[in-house]
PDB file of N, CA and C in Angstrom:
ATOM      1  N   MET A   1       1.111  -1.260  -0.180  1.00  0.00           N
ATOM      2  CA  MET A   1       0.049   0.167   0.400  1.00  0.00           C
ATOM      3  C   MET A   1       0.948   1.155   0.273  1.00  0.00           C
ATOM      4  N   VAL A   2       0.529   2.213  -0.902  1.00  0.00           N
ATOM      5  CA  VAL A   2       1.178   3.091  -0.582  1.00  0.00           C
ATOM      6  C   VAL A   2       0.558   5.136   0.091  1.00  0.00           C
ATOM      7  N   LYS A   3       0.441   5.544   0.564  1.00  0.00           N
ATOM      8  CA  LYS A   3       0.200   6.934   0.973  1.00  0.00           C
ATOM      9  C   LYS A   3       0.795   7.979   0.529  1.00  0.00           C
ATOM     10  N   ASP A   4       0.109   8.629   0.670  1.00  0.00           N
ATOM     11  CA  ASP A   4       0.865  10.597   0.332  1.00  0.00           C
ATOM     12  C   ASP A   4       0.083  10.725   2.258  1.00  0.00           C
ATOM     13  N   ILE A   5       0.537  10.821   2.754  1.00  0.00           N
ATOM     14  CA  ILE A   5       0.639  12.080   4.345  1.00  0.00           C
ATOM     15  C   ILE A   5       0.603  13.347   4.348  1.00  0.00           C
ATOM     16  N   ILE A   6      -0.200  14.488   4.351  1.00  0.00           N
ATOM     17  CA  ILE A   6       0.343  15.584   4.513  1.00  0.00           C
ATOM     18  C   ILE A   6       0.605  16.134   6.061  1.00  0.00           C
ATOM     19  N   CYS A   7       2.294  16.307   5.868  1.00  0.00           N
ATOM     20  CA  CYS A   7       2.738  16.295   7.854  1.00  0.00           C
ATOM     21  C   CYS A   7       2.322  17.656   8.329  1.00  0.00           C
ATOM     22  N   ILE A   8       2.231  17.983   9.782  1.00  0.00           N
ATOM     23  CA  ILE A   8       1.318  18.961  10.693  1.00  0.00           C
ATOM     24  C   ILE A   8       2.416  19.121  11.109  1.00  0.00           C
ATOM     25  N   THR A   9       3.422  18.418  11.316  1.00  0.00           N
ATOM     26  CA  THR A   9       4.437  18.566  12.587  1.00  0.00           C
ATOM     27  C   THR A   9       4.878  20.122  12.780  1.00  0.00           C
ATOM     28  N   CYS A  10       5.380  21.122  11.632  1.00  0.00           N
ATOM     29  CA  CYS A  10       5.549  21.899  11.295  1.00  0.00           C
ATOM     30  C   CYS A  10       4.527  22.408   9.852  1.00  0.00           C
ATOM     31  N   PRO A  11       4.973  24.097   9.880  1.00  0.00           N
ATOM     32  CA  PRO A  11       4.278  24.727   9.040  1.00  0.00           C
ATOM     33  C   PRO A  11       4.566  24.203   7.482  1.00  0.00           C
ATOM     34  N   GLN A  12       5.700  23.623   7.071  1.00  0.00           N
ATOM     35  CA  GLN A  12       6.163  23.646   5.761  1.00  0.00           C
ATOM     36  C   GLN A  12       5.128  22.242   4.910  1.00  0.00           C
ATOM     37  N   GLY A  13       4.244  22.194   5.432  1.00  0.00           N
ATOM     38  CA  GLY A  13       3.413  20.395   4.933  1.00  0.00           C
ATOM     39  C   GLY A  13       3.761  19.588   4.181  1.00  0.00           C
ATOM     40  N   CYS A  14       5.170  19.216   4.367  1.00  0.00           N
ATOM     41  CA  CYS A  14       5.966  18.603   3.162  1.00  0.00           C
ATOM     42  C   CYS A  14       4.345  16.946   3.041  1.00  0.00           C
ATOM     43  N   ILE A  15       4.572  16.651   1.732  1.00  0.00           N
ATOM     44  CA  ILE A  15       3.557  15.304   1.790  1.00  0.00           C
ATOM     45  C   ILE A  15       5.127  14.285   1.310  1.00  0.00           C
ATOM     46  N   ILE A  16       4.533  13.998   2.963  1.00  0.00           N
ATOM     47  CA  ILE A  16       5.358  12.292   2.695  1.00  0.00           C
ATOM     48  C   ILE A  16       4.568  11.338   1.903  1.00  0.00           C
ATOM     49  N   LYS A  17       5.330  10.198   1.511  1.00  0.00           N
ATOM     50  CA  LYS A  17       4.447   9.173   0.258  1.00  0.00           C
ATOM     51  C   LYS A  17       5.156   7.753   1.152  1.00  0.00           C
ATOM     52  N   VAL A  18       4.393   7.101   2.067  1.00  0.00           N
ATOM     53  CA  VAL A  18       4.783   5.906   2.779  1.00  0.00           C
ATOM     54  C   VAL A  18       4.064   4.771   2.369  1.00  0.00           C
ATOM     55  N   THR A  19       5.393   4.048   1.905  1.00  0.00           N
ATOM     56  CA  THR A  19       4.632   2.419   1.730  1.00  0.00           C
ATOM     57  C   THR A  19       4.743   1.067   2.803  1.00  0.00           C
ATOM     58  N   GLY A  20       3.929   0.402   2.279  1.00  0.00           N
ATOM     59  CA  GLY A  20       3.987  -0.474   3.509  1.00  0.00           C
ATOM     60  C   GLY A  20       2.540  -1.781   3.909  1.00  0.00           C
ATOM     61  N   ASP A  21       2.782  -2.054   4.573  1.00  0.00           N
ATOM     62  CA  ASP A  21       1.264  -3.007   5.058  1.00  0.00           C
ATOM     63  C   ASP A  21       0.472  -2.421   6.472  1.00  0.00           C
ATOM     64  N   PRO A  22       0.392  -1.554   6.314  1.00  0.00           N
ATOM     65  CA  PRO A  22      -0.618  -0.732   7.688  1.00  0.00           C
ATOM     66  C   PRO A  22      -0.625  -2.328   8.561  1.00  0.00           C
ATOM     67  N   ALA A  23      -2.021  -2.942   8.560  1.00  0.00           N
ATOM     68  CA  ALA A  23      -2.759  -4.008   8.649  1.00  0.00           C
ATOM     69  C   ALA A  23      -1.200  -4.771   9.478  1.00  0.00           C
ATOM     70  N   LYS A  24       0.008  -4.787   8.946  1.00  0.00           N
ATOM     71  CA  LYS A  24       1.061  -5.986   9.786  1.00  0.00           C
ATOM     72  C   LYS A  24       2.045  -4.942  10.824  1.00  0.00           C
ATOM     73  N   GLY A  25       1.764  -3.148  10.473  1.00  0.00           N
ATOM     74  CA  GLY A  25       2.986  -2.500  11.348  1.00  0.00           C
ATOM     75  C   GLY A  25       4.035  -2.771  10.527  1.00  0.00           C
ATOM     76  N   GLU A  26       3.843  -2.789   8.671  1.00  0.00           N
ATOM     77  CA  GLU A  26       5.256  -2.264   8.613  1.00  0.00           C
ATOM     78  C   GLU A  26       5.565  -1.569   7.003  1.00  0.00           C
ATOM     79  N   ILE A  27       6.750  -0.746   7.537  1.00  0.00           N
ATOM     80  CA  ILE A  27       6.669   0.362   6.649  1.00  0.00           C
ATOM     81  C   ILE A  27       7.990  -0.080   6.004  1.00  0.00           C
ATOM     82  N   THR A  28       7.813  -0.343   4.045  1.00  0.00           N
ATOM     83  CA  THR A  28       8.911  -0.309   3.169  1.00  0.00           C
ATOM     84  C   THR A  28       9.554   0.478   3.025  1.00  0.00           C
ATOM     85  N   GLY A  29       9.223   1.780   3.262  1.00  0.00           N
ATOM     86  CA  GLY A  29       9.733   2.923   2.579  1.00  0.00           C
ATOM     87  C   GLY A  29       9.236   4.356   3.369  1.00  0.00           C
ATOM     88  N   CYS A  30       9.319   5.428   2.890  1.00  0.00           N
ATOM     89  CA  CYS A  30       9.248   6.643   3.506  1.00  0.00           C
ATOM     90  C   CYS A  30      10.213   8.357   2.959  1.00  0.00           C
ATOM     91  N   GLU A  31       9.185   8.711   2.479  1.00  0.00           N
ATOM     92  CA  GLU A  31      10.224   9.641   1.790  1.00  0.00           C
ATOM     93  C   GLU A  31       9.514  11.269   1.304  1.00  0.00           C
ATOM     94  N   GLY A  32      10.525  12.160   0.996  1.00  0.00           N
ATOM     95  CA  GLY A  32       8.892  13.218   0.835  1.00  0.00           C
ATOM     96  C   GLY A  32       8.868  14.434   2.399  1.00  0.00           C
ATOM     97  N   PHE A  33      10.124  13.926   3.519  1.00  0.00           N
ATOM     98  CA  PHE A  33       9.844  14.448   4.385  1.00  0.00           C
ATOM     99  C   PHE A  33      11.376  15.564   4.377  1.00  0.00           C
ATOM    100  N   LYS A  34      11.422  16.415   5.422  1.00  0.00           N
ATOM    101  CA  LYS A  34      12.869  17.225   5.320  1.00  0.00           C
ATOM    102  C   LYS A  34      13.338  17.402   6.744  1.00  0.00           C
ATOM    103  N   CYS A  35      12.221  16.827   7.686  1.00  0.00           N
ATOM    104  CA  CYS A  35      12.951  16.633   9.218  1.00  0.00           C
ATOM    105  C   CYS A  35      12.749  15.226   9.744  1.00  0.00           C
ATOM    106  N   LYS A  36      13.047  15.173  11.276  1.00  0.00           N
ATOM    107  CA  LYS A  36      12.832  13.912  11.687  1.00  0.00           C
ATOM    108  C   LYS A  36      11.440  13.804  12.007  1.00  0.00           C
ATOM    109  N   ARG A  37      10.700  14.676  12.344  1.00  0.00           N
ATOM    110  CA  ARG A  37      10.172  14.751  13.431  1.00  0.00           C
ATOM    111  C   ARG A  37       8.445  14.060  11.888  1.00  0.00           C
ATOM    112  N   GLY A  38       8.760  14.411  11.028  1.00  0.00           N
ATOM    113  CA  GLY A  38       7.816  14.802   9.804  1.00  0.00           C
ATOM    114  C   GLY A  38       8.042  12.661   9.918  1.00  0.00           C
ATOM    115  N   LYS A  39       9.182  12.595   9.628  1.00  0.00           N
ATOM    116  CA  LYS A  39       9.638  11.372   8.853  1.00  0.00           C
ATOM    117  C   LYS A  39       8.646   9.945  10.012  1.00  0.00           C
ATOM    118  N   VAL A  40       9.132  10.951  11.676  1.00  0.00           N
ATOM    119  CA  VAL A  40       8.151  10.263  12.776  1.00  0.00           C
ATOM    120  C   VAL A  40       6.420   9.510  12.510  1.00  0.00           C
ATOM    121  N   TYR A  41       6.129  11.298  12.297  1.00  0.00           N
ATOM    122  CA  TYR A  41       5.076  11.375  11.975  1.00  0.00           C
ATOM    123  C   TYR A  41       4.494  10.829  10.758  1.00  0.00           C
ATOM    124  N   ALA A  42       4.622  10.324  10.451  1.00  0.00           N
ATOM    125  CA  ALA A  42       4.205  10.037   8.568  1.00  0.00           C
ATOM    126  C   ALA A  42       3.906   8.120   9.053  1.00  0.00           C
ATOM    127  N   GLU A  43       5.205   8.049   9.892  1.00  0.00           N
ATOM    128  CA  GLU A  43       4.859   6.417   9.970  1.00  0.00           C
ATOM    129  C   GLU A  43       4.017   6.415  10.635  1.00  0.00           C
ATOM    130  N   ASN A  44       3.513   7.048  12.689  1.00  0.00           N
ATOM    131  CA  ASN A  44       2.947   6.320  12.800  1.00  0.00           C
ATOM    132  C   ASN A  44       1.315   6.576  12.259  1.00  0.00           C
ATOM    133  N   GLU A  45       1.318   7.788  11.323  1.00  0.00           N
ATOM    134  CA  GLU A  45      -0.059   8.026  11.131  1.00  0.00           C
ATOM    135  C   GLU A  45      -0.501   6.566  10.714  1.00  0.00           C
ATOM    136  N   PHE A  46       0.866   6.167   9.156  1.00  0.00           N
ATOM    137  CA  PHE A  46       0.777   5.319   8.422  1.00  0.00           C
ATOM    138  C   PHE A  46       0.235   3.944   9.653  1.00  0.00           C
ATOM    139  N   ILE A  47       0.499   3.471  10.755  1.00  0.00           N
ATOM    140  CA  ILE A  47       0.419   2.221  11.419  1.00  0.00           C
ATOM    141  C   ILE A  47      -1.026   3.080  12.036  1.00  0.00           C
ATOM    142  N   LYS A  48      -0.675   3.495  12.637  1.00  0.00           N
ATOM    143  CA  LYS A  48      -1.748   3.920  14.292  1.00  0.00           C
ATOM    144  C   LYS A  48      -2.283   5.140  14.196  1.00  0.00           C
ATOM    145  N   PRO A  49      -3.108   5.963  13.347  1.00  0.00           N
ATOM    146  CA  PRO A  49      -3.284   7.553  13.665  1.00  0.00           C
ATOM    147  C   PRO A  49      -3.837   7.726  14.838  1.00  0.00           C
ATOM    148  N   LEU A  50      -3.314   8.853  15.750  1.00  0.00           N
ATOM    149  CA  LEU A  50      -4.262   8.756  16.972  1.00  0.00           C
ATOM    150  C   LEU A  50      -4.652  10.152  16.625  1.00  0.00           C
ATOM    151  N   ARG A  51      -6.092  10.784  17.639  1.00  0.00           N
ATOM    152  CA  ARG A  51      -6.101  11.901  17.890  1.00  0.00           C
ATOM    153  C   ARG A  51      -6.376  12.297  18.539  1.00  0.00           C
ATOM    154  N   ILE A  52      -6.480  14.234  19.242  1.00  0.00           N
ATOM    155  CA  ILE A  52      -6.794  13.832  20.839  1.00  0.00           C
ATOM    156  C   ILE A  52      -8.363  14.338  20.568  1.00  0.00           C
ATOM    157  N   LEU A  53      -8.941  14.284  21.382  1.00  0.00           N
ATOM    158  CA  LEU A  53     -10.893  13.958  20.833  1.00  0.00           C
ATOM    159  C   LEU A  53     -11.132  15.515  21.700  1.00  0.00           C
ATOM    160  N   THR A  54     -11.815  16.365  21.181  1.00  0.00           N
ATOM    161  CA  THR A  54     -12.622  17.336  21.989  1.00  0.00           C
ATOM    162  C   THR A  54     -13.885  17.685  21.616  1.00  0.00           C
ATOM    163  N   SER A  55     -14.906  18.271  22.303  1.00  0.00           N
ATOM    164  CA  SER A  55     -15.983  17.681  22.276  1.00  0.00           C
ATOM    165  C   SER A  55     -15.989  18.383  23.157  1.00  0.00           C
ATOM    166  N   SER A  56     -17.978  18.683  23.896  1.00  0.00           N
ATOM    167  CA  SER A  56     -18.539  19.361  24.946  1.00  0.00           C
ATOM    168  C   SER A  56     -19.577  17.923  25.310  1.00  0.00           C
ATOM    169  N   VAL A  57     -19.806  18.211  26.924  1.00  0.00           N
ATOM    170  CA  VAL A  57     -20.456  16.831  27.917  1.00  0.00           C
ATOM    171  C   VAL A  57     -21.505  18.282  28.369  1.00  0.00           C
ATOM    172  N   LYS A  58     -22.948  18.122  28.819  1.00  0.00           N
ATOM    173  CA  LYS A  58     -23.775  18.305  29.562  1.00  0.00           C
ATOM    174  C   LYS A  58     -23.846  18.341  30.663  1.00  0.00           C
ATOM    175  N   THR A  59     -24.111  19.360  31.336  1.00  0.00           N
ATOM    176  CA  THR A  59     -23.971  19.709  32.847  1.00  0.00           C
ATOM    177  C   THR A  59     -25.414  19.610  33.717  1.00  0.00           C
ATOM    178  N   SER A  60     -25.468  19.568  34.521  1.00  0.00           N
ATOM    179  CA  SER A  60     -26.504  19.235  35.884  1.00  0.00           C
ATOM    180  C   SER A  60     -26.981  20.441  36.619  1.00  0.00           C
ATOM    181  N   GLY A  61     -27.649  21.639  36.730  1.00  0.00           N
ATOM    182  CA  GLY A  61     -27.469  22.457  37.869  1.00  0.00           C
ATOM    183  C   GLY A  61     -26.057  23.672  38.031  1.00  0.00           C
ATOM    184  N   ALA A  62     -26.511  23.407  36.874  1.00  0.00           N
ATOM    185  CA  ALA A  62     -25.565  24.850  36.446  1.00  0.00           C
ATOM    186  C   ALA A  62     -25.888  25.774  35.182  1.00  0.00           C
ATOM    187  N   ALA A  63     -24.964  27.326  34.648  1.00  0.00           N
ATOM    188  CA  ALA A  63     -25.771  28.206  34.230  1.00  0.00           C
ATOM    189  C   ALA A  63     -25.745  28.309  32.895  1.00  0.00           C
ATOM    190  N   VAL A  64     -24.333  27.056  32.831  1.00  0.00           N
ATOM    191  CA  VAL A  64     -24.068  26.876  31.214  1.00  0.00           C
ATOM    192  C   VAL A  64     -24.737  25.497  30.470  1.00  0.00           C
ATOM    193  N   PRO A  65     -25.274  24.795  29.775  1.00  0.00           N
ATOM    194  CA  PRO A  65     -25.887  23.510  29.575  1.00  0.00           C
ATOM    195  C   PRO A  65     -24.994  23.162  29.045  1.00  0.00           C
ATOM    196  N   LEU A  66     -23.644  23.258  28.614  1.00  0.00           N
ATOM    197  CA  LEU A  66     -22.249  22.288  28.216  1.00  0.00           C
ATOM    198  C   LEU A  66     -21.306  22.694  29.112  1.00  0.00           C
ATOM    199  N   VAL A  67     -20.041  22.031  28.895  1.00  0.00           N
ATOM    200  CA  VAL A  67     -18.588  22.169  29.356  1.00  0.00           C
ATOM    201  C   VAL A  67     -17.832  21.834  28.302  1.00  0.00           C
ATOM    202  N   ALA A  68     -17.053  22.211  27.864  1.00  0.00           N
ATOM    203  CA  ALA A  68     -16.028  21.209  26.834  1.00  0.00           C
ATOM    204  C   ALA A  68     -14.886  20.195  26.884  1.00  0.00           C
ATOM    205  N   VAL A  69     -14.562  19.609  26.611  1.00  0.00           N
ATOM    206  CA  VAL A  69     -13.830  18.745  27.400  1.00  0.00           C
ATOM    207  C   VAL A  69     -13.007  17.697  25.674  1.00  0.00           C
ATOM    208  N   ARG A  70     -11.879  16.986  26.471  1.00  0.00           N
ATOM    209  CA  ARG A  70     -10.837  16.997  25.749  1.00  0.00           C
ATOM    210  C   ARG A  70     -10.040  15.381  26.846  1.00  0.00           C
ATOM    211  N   THR A  71      -9.659  14.674  25.361  1.00  0.00           N
ATOM    212  CA  THR A  71      -8.454  13.659  26.168  1.00  0.00           C
ATOM    213  C   THR A  71      -7.442  14.235  26.662  1.00  0.00           C
ATOM    214  N   SER A  72      -6.866  13.345  27.295  1.00  0.00           N
ATOM    215  CA  SER A  72      -5.485  13.782  27.974  1.00  0.00           C
ATOM    216  C   SER A  72      -3.895  13.571  26.913  1.00  0.00           C
ATOM    217  N   ALA A  73      -4.221  12.641  26.055  1.00  0.00           N
ATOM    218  CA  ALA A  73      -3.737  12.122  24.996  1.00  0.00           C
ATOM    219  C   ALA A  73      -4.284  12.101  23.686  1.00  0.00           C
ATOM    220  N   PRO A  74      -3.644  11.448  23.023  1.00  0.00           N
ATOM    221  CA  PRO A  74      -4.507  11.689  21.317  1.00  0.00           C
ATOM    222  C   PRO A  74      -4.531  10.050  21.620  1.00  0.00           C
ATOM    223  N   ILE A  75      -5.610   9.480  21.076  1.00  0.00           N
ATOM    224  CA  ILE A  75      -6.483   7.801  20.746  1.00  0.00           C
ATOM    225  C   ILE A  75      -6.628   7.750  19.660  1.00  0.00           C
ATOM    226  N   PRO A  76      -7.006   6.017  19.528  1.00  0.00           N
ATOM    227  CA  PRO A  76      -6.989   6.400  17.977  1.00  0.00           C
ATOM    228  C   PRO A  76      -7.963   6.169  17.321  1.00  0.00           C
ATOM    229  N   LYS A  77      -7.347   6.998  15.383  1.00  0.00           N
ATOM    230  CA  LYS A  77      -8.550   7.749  14.944  1.00  0.00           C
ATOM    231  C   LYS A  77     -10.081   6.737  15.049  1.00  0.00           C
ATOM    232  N   ASP A  78      -9.420   5.126  14.959  1.00  0.00           N
ATOM    233  CA  ASP A  78     -10.923   4.725  14.215  1.00  0.00           C
ATOM    234  C   ASP A  78     -12.223   4.211  15.293  1.00  0.00           C
ATOM    235  N   MET A  79     -11.701   4.985  16.678  1.00  0.00           N
ATOM    236  CA  MET A  79     -12.281   4.984  17.849  1.00  0.00           C
ATOM    237  C   MET A  79     -12.932   6.643  18.223  1.00  0.00           C
ATOM    238  N   GLN A  80     -12.542   7.205  17.516  1.00  0.00           N
ATOM    239  CA  GLN A  80     -14.055   8.411  17.501  1.00  0.00           C
ATOM    240  C   GLN A  80     -14.755   8.593  17.680  1.00  0.00           C
ATOM    241  N   MET A  81     -15.477   8.050  16.168  1.00  0.00           N
ATOM    242  CA  MET A  81     -17.349   7.699  16.398  1.00  0.00           C
ATOM    243  C   MET A  81     -17.012   7.089  18.183  1.00  0.00           C
ATOM    244  N   ALA A  82     -16.821   5.756  18.056  1.00  0.00           N
ATOM    245  CA  ALA A  82     -17.350   5.386  19.724  1.00  0.00           C
ATOM    246  C   ALA A  82     -17.239   5.979  20.952  1.00  0.00           C
ATOM    247  N   ALA A  83     -15.875   7.487  20.986  1.00  0.00           N
ATOM    248  CA  ALA A  83     -16.297   7.555  21.988  1.00  0.00           C
ATOM    249  C   ALA A  83     -16.483   9.086  21.842  1.00  0.00           C
ATOM    250  N   MET A  84     -17.354   9.405  20.343  1.00  0.00           N
ATOM    251  CA  MET A  84     -18.361  10.606  21.267  1.00  0.00           C
ATOM    252  C   MET A  84     -19.346  10.397  21.255  1.00  0.00           C
ATOM    253  N   GLU A  85     -19.765   9.046  20.810  1.00  0.00           N
ATOM    254  CA  GLU A  85     -21.788   7.732  21.656  1.00  0.00           C
ATOM    255  C   GLU A  85     -21.358   8.428  23.165  1.00  0.00           C
ATOM    256  N   GLU A  86     -19.694   7.884  23.605  1.00  0.00           N
ATOM    257  CA  GLU A  86     -19.733   7.549  25.269  1.00  0.00           C
ATOM    258  C   GLU A  86     -20.227   8.783  25.827  1.00  0.00           C
ATOM    259  N   VAL A  87     -19.203  10.311  24.717  1.00  0.00           N
ATOM    260  CA  VAL A  87     -19.680  11.216  25.452  1.00  0.00           C
ATOM    261  C   VAL A  87     -20.981  12.234  25.538  1.00  0.00           C
ATOM    262  N   LYS A  88     -21.336  11.451  24.937  1.00  0.00           N
ATOM    263  CA  LYS A  88     -22.916  12.079  24.594  1.00  0.00           C
ATOM    264  C   LYS A  88     -23.563  11.332  26.092  1.00  0.00           C
ATOM    265  N   LYS A  89     -23.427  10.442  26.704  1.00  0.00           N
ATOM    266  CA  LYS A  89     -23.515  10.337  27.993  1.00  0.00           C
ATOM    267  C   LYS A  89     -24.020  10.370  28.912  1.00  0.00           C
ATOM    268  N   ILE A  90     -22.324  11.219  29.011  1.00  0.00           N
ATOM    269  CA  ILE A  90     -21.887  11.931  30.389  1.00  0.00           C
ATOM    270  C   ILE A  90     -22.567  13.596  30.824  1.00  0.00           C
ATOM    271  N   THR A  91     -22.785  14.078  31.950  1.00  0.00           N
ATOM    272  CA  THR A  91     -23.500  14.460  32.479  1.00  0.00           C
ATOM    273  C   THR A  91     -22.983  15.225  33.233  1.00  0.00           C
ATOM    274  N   VAL A  92     -22.129  15.888  33.781  1.00  0.00           N
ATOM    275  CA  VAL A  92     -21.765  16.563  35.257  1.00  0.00           C
ATOM    276  C   VAL A  92     -22.019  17.574  36.047  1.00  0.00           C
ATOM    277  N   SER A  93     -21.123  18.012  36.353  1.00  0.00           N
ATOM    278  CA  SER A  93     -22.964  19.044  38.103  1.00  0.00           C
ATOM    279  C   SER A  93     -20.980  19.237  38.916  1.00  0.00           C
ATOM    280  N   GLY A  94     -21.755  19.816  39.990  1.00  0.00           N
ATOM    281  CA  GLY A  94     -20.756  20.668  40.321  1.00  0.00           C
ATOM    282  C   GLY A  94     -19.315  22.123  39.542  1.00  0.00           C
ATOM    283  N   LYS A  95     -18.527  22.420  40.221  1.00  0.00           N
ATOM    284  CA  LYS A  95     -17.454  23.045  40.208  1.00  0.00           C
ATOM    285  C   LYS A  95     -15.988  22.769  39.076  1.00  0.00           C
ATOM    286  N   LEU A  96     -15.863  23.164  37.991  1.00  0.00           N
ATOM    287  CA  LEU A  96     -14.598  21.961  36.903  1.00  0.00           C
ATOM    288  C   LEU A  96     -13.906  23.073  36.556  1.00  0.00           C
ATOM    289  N   VAL A  97     -12.358  22.973  36.946  1.00  0.00           N
ATOM    290  CA  VAL A  97     -11.569  24.100  36.374  1.00  0.00           C
ATOM    291  C   VAL A  97     -11.101  22.930  34.329  1.00  0.00           C
ATOM    292  N   PRO A  98     -10.538  23.604  33.838  1.00  0.00           N
ATOM    293  CA  PRO A  98      -9.750  23.488  32.998  1.00  0.00           C
ATOM    294  C   PRO A  98      -8.284  22.741  33.665  1.00  0.00           C
ATOM    295  N   GLY A  99      -8.460  21.155  33.104  1.00  0.00           N
ATOM    296  CA  GLY A  99      -7.669  19.794  33.562  1.00  0.00           C
ATOM    297  C   GLY A  99      -8.906  19.436  34.993  1.00  0.00           C
ATOM    298  N   ASP A 100      -9.248  19.410  35.476  1.00  0.00           N
ATOM    299  CA  ASP A 100     -10.335  18.255  35.884  1.00  0.00           C
ATOM    300  C   ASP A 100     -10.392  16.849  35.336  1.00  0.00           C
ATOM    301  N   VAL A 101     -10.627  15.946  36.519  1.00  0.00           N
ATOM    302  CA  VAL A 101     -10.516  14.693  35.585  1.00  0.00           C
ATOM    303  C   VAL A 101     -12.195  14.112  35.346  1.00  0.00           C
ATOM    304  N   ILE A 102     -12.561  14.404  34.188  1.00  0.00           N
ATOM    305  CA  ILE A 102     -14.465  13.669  33.947  1.00  0.00           C
ATOM    306  C   ILE A 102     -14.453  12.348  34.379  1.00  0.00           C
ATOM    307  N   VAL A 103     -13.502  11.519  33.347  1.00  0.00           N
ATOM    308  CA  VAL A 103     -13.697   9.877  32.939  1.00  0.00           C
ATOM    309  C   VAL A 103     -12.070   8.916  32.780  1.00  0.00           C
ATOM    310  N   GLU A 104     -11.844   8.676  34.050  1.00  0.00           N
ATOM    311  CA  GLU A 104     -10.357   8.163  33.893  1.00  0.00           C
ATOM    312  C   GLU A 104      -9.982   6.898  32.875  1.00  0.00           C
ATOM    313  N   ASN A 105      -8.890   6.664  32.823  1.00  0.00           N
ATOM    314  CA  ASN A 105      -8.954   5.896  31.105  1.00  0.00           C
ATOM    315  C   ASN A 105     -10.445   5.561  30.706  1.00  0.00           C
ATOM    316  N   PHE A 106     -10.603   6.697  29.434  1.00  0.00           N
ATOM    317  CA  PHE A 106     -11.444   6.528  28.590  1.00  0.00           C
ATOM    318  C   PHE A 106     -11.383   5.672  27.977  1.00  0.00           C
ATOM    319  N   MET A 107     -12.366   4.688  27.938  1.00  0.00           N
ATOM    320  CA  MET A 107     -12.950   3.418  27.013  1.00  0.00           C
ATOM    321  C   MET A 107     -11.500   2.396  26.809  1.00  0.00           C
ATOM    322  N   GLY A 108     -10.695   2.900  27.787  1.00  0.00           N
ATOM    323  CA  GLY A 108      -9.438   1.599  28.249  1.00  0.00           C
ATOM    324  C   GLY A 108      -8.871   2.678  27.490  1.00  0.00           C
ATOM    325  N   THR A 109      -8.356   3.868  26.645  1.00  0.00           N
ATOM    326  CA  THR A 109      -7.509   3.868  25.566  1.00  0.00           C
ATOM    327  C   THR A 109      -6.611   4.527  26.769  1.00  0.00           C
ATOM    328  N   GLY A 110      -5.938   3.925  28.479  1.00  0.00           N
ATOM    329  CA  GLY A 110      -5.151   4.888  28.778  1.00  0.00           C
ATOM    330  C   GLY A 110      -5.235   6.570  29.071  1.00  0.00           C
ATOM    331  N   ALA A 111      -5.846   7.234  27.976  1.00  0.00           N
ATOM    332  CA  ALA A 111      -5.912   8.464  27.463  1.00  0.00           C
ATOM    333  C   ALA A 111      -7.468   8.973  28.775  1.00  0.00           C
ATOM    334  N   ASN A 112      -6.906   9.557  29.633  1.00  0.00           N
ATOM    335  CA  ASN A 112      -8.548  10.446  30.389  1.00  0.00           C
ATOM    336  C   ASN A 112      -9.267  11.528  29.748  1.00  0.00           C
ATOM    337  N   LEU A 113     -10.436  11.327  30.203  1.00  0.00           N
ATOM    338  CA  LEU A 113     -11.290  12.688  29.426  1.00  0.00           C
ATOM    339  C   LEU A 113     -11.366  13.881  30.440  1.00  0.00           C
ATOM    340  N   VAL A 114     -10.774  15.036  30.231  1.00  0.00           N
ATOM    341  CA  VAL A 114     -10.612  16.245  31.888  1.00  0.00           C
ATOM    342  C   VAL A 114     -11.676  17.308  30.962  1.00  0.00           C
ATOM    343  N   ALA A 115     -11.769  18.453  31.561  1.00  0.00           N
ATOM    344  CA  ALA A 115     -12.273  19.597  31.100  1.00  0.00           C
ATOM    345  C   ALA A 115     -11.444  20.441  30.700  1.00  0.00           C
ATOM    346  N   SER A 116     -11.617  20.585  29.313  1.00  0.00           N
ATOM    347  CA  SER A 116     -11.008  21.935  28.840  1.00  0.00           C
ATOM    348  C   SER A 116     -11.826  23.238  28.985  1.00  0.00           C
ATOM    349  N   GLY A 117     -12.368  23.116  29.664  1.00  0.00           N
ATOM    350  CA  GLY A 117     -13.501  24.854  29.650  1.00  0.00           C
ATOM    351  C   GLY A 117     -14.012  24.894  31.659  1.00  0.00           C
ATOM    352  N   SER A 118     -14.361  25.705  31.928  1.00  0.00           N
ATOM    353  CA  SER A 118     -14.584  26.084  33.378  1.00  0.00           C
ATOM    354  C   SER A 118     -16.576  25.922  33.826  1.00  0.00           C
ATOM    355  N   LEU A 119     -16.332  25.457  35.135  1.00  0.00           N
ATOM    356  CA  LEU A 119     -18.239  25.272  34.993  1.00  0.00           C
ATOM    357  C   LEU A 119     -17.898  25.734  36.640  1.00  0.00           C
ATOM    358  N   GLU A 120     -18.989  26.640  37.129  1.00  0.00           N
ATOM    359  CA  GLU A 120     -19.154  27.196  38.763  1.00  0.00           C
ATOM    360  C   GLU A 120     -20.564  26.523  39.291  1.00  0.00           C
TER     361      GLU A 120
END
């Protein structure tokens, strides 16, 4: 398999061509990167793409109906839709400040779901 990946680690936006078999975790070639960070990014994106999940959860007894949340670390891209379904089920109450953990080890990913907004 050959995949062109646009690098987002710096403003250059290199188009990196990665070849291999992502199902087996094999990379046979990587070209077009201008720095080591770009090579690492493209290889990781080819084998197992990860993303920070950002969303909002419902509040109870607060002046605002929603509060912003995010994962503390990237989670697998293929889990994003299922993760959003889980986020829809969450309702928070009480005082929250950015960084407060709402769900530890969110969906078994090792990343916590944390507040990125405040709730008074």
